[in-house]
Protein backbone atom coordinates (compact mmCIF):
# COMPACT_ATOMS: atom_id res chain seq x y z
CA MET A 1 87.57 83.12 104.42
CA GLU A 2 87.51 86.70 105.18
CA GLN A 3 87.29 87.70 108.85
CA PRO A 4 85.45 90.81 110.19
CA LYS A 5 87.55 93.72 110.99
CA GLU A 6 86.87 93.17 114.74
CA LEU A 7 88.31 89.63 114.63
CA VAL A 8 91.35 90.74 112.82
CA VAL A 9 92.02 93.60 115.23
CA ALA A 10 91.40 91.23 118.17
CA GLU A 11 94.00 88.76 116.89
CA LEU A 12 96.47 91.80 116.50
CA ARG A 13 95.97 92.71 120.14
CA HIS A 14 96.43 89.09 121.26
CA CYS A 15 98.97 88.23 123.88
CA PRO A 16 101.58 87.14 122.89
CA PRO A 17 101.44 89.39 119.95
CA PRO A 18 101.55 88.07 116.37
CA SER A 19 104.77 88.40 114.36
CA ILE A 20 105.16 91.47 112.37
CA ASP A 21 104.62 89.53 109.07
CA ALA A 22 101.16 88.40 110.48
CA VAL A 23 100.31 91.98 111.29
CA ALA A 24 101.41 93.27 107.95
CA ASP A 25 99.55 90.44 106.27
CA ALA A 26 96.30 91.04 108.33
CA LEU A 27 96.46 94.82 107.60
CA LEU A 28 97.05 94.27 104.00
CA GLN A 29 93.98 92.08 103.73
CA LEU A 30 91.84 94.48 105.49
CA ALA A 31 93.11 97.38 103.19
CA VAL A 32 92.46 95.50 99.97
CA ARG A 33 89.13 94.10 101.11
CA ASP A 34 87.93 97.41 102.17
CA SER A 35 89.40 99.21 99.14
CA ALA A 36 91.74 101.42 101.25
CA ILE A 37 94.35 100.65 98.72
CA SER A 38 94.35 99.30 95.07
CA GLN A 39 95.77 96.03 93.93
CA ASP A 40 98.57 98.15 92.29
CA GLU A 41 99.33 99.79 95.70
CA ALA A 42 99.35 96.47 97.35
CA THR A 43 101.71 95.09 94.85
CA GLU A 44 104.06 98.00 95.36
CA LEU A 45 104.07 97.38 99.04
CA LEU A 46 105.76 94.15 98.56
CA ASN A 47 108.90 95.99 97.78
CA TRP A 48 108.93 97.50 101.29
CA ASP A 49 109.99 95.97 104.66
CA LEU A 50 107.34 94.34 106.85
CA ILE A 51 107.71 96.97 109.58
CA THR A 52 107.05 99.82 107.13
CA ILE A 53 104.25 97.97 105.53
CA ALA A 54 102.45 97.46 108.85
CA GLU A 55 103.01 101.03 109.97
CA TYR A 56 101.85 102.48 106.65
CA LEU A 57 98.75 100.26 106.39
CA ALA A 58 97.64 100.98 110.08
CA LEU A 59 97.86 104.68 109.40
CA ARG A 60 96.27 104.38 105.98
CA LEU A 61 93.28 102.33 107.52
CA GLN A 62 93.06 105.01 110.25
CA GLN A 63 92.97 107.86 107.65
CA ASP A 64 90.18 106.13 105.73
CA GLY A 65 88.17 105.54 108.94
CA LEU A 66 88.59 101.82 108.87
CA LEU A 67 90.58 101.68 112.10
CA SER A 68 90.27 103.99 115.24
CA SER A 69 93.22 105.74 116.48
CA GLU A 70 93.06 103.44 119.60
CA GLU A 71 93.22 100.37 117.35
CA VAL A 72 96.27 101.74 115.47
CA HIS A 73 97.88 102.65 118.79
CA ASP A 74 97.42 99.23 120.08
CA ILE A 75 98.68 97.61 116.92
CA LEU A 76 101.69 99.81 116.58
CA LEU A 77 102.50 99.72 120.26
CA THR A 78 102.55 95.95 120.18
CA HIS A 79 105.58 96.17 117.70
CA ALA A 80 107.00 99.48 119.02
CA SER A 81 110.47 97.84 119.53
CA ASP A 82 110.36 96.83 115.79
CA LEU A 83 109.21 100.15 114.35
CA CYS A 84 111.87 102.61 113.35
CA HIS A 85 109.90 105.42 111.88
């Protein structure tokens, strides 16, 4: 069952924060559902590490207007110690 964007973002902001794989999965589902990326792009992402996937998707969703800069900031800040880019 697909969750509205607001519920997904709320889960990503939850304390304790979800694991990076849960974040990447949630962002990937949002991106595919809202056509921010194609199925081919989603398949290509599977070759990347989870941290890079989460970072890329958060920024891509922001670029496409599907996430606000505050939402992206909150999502990425939650895993700032994991991010290396």
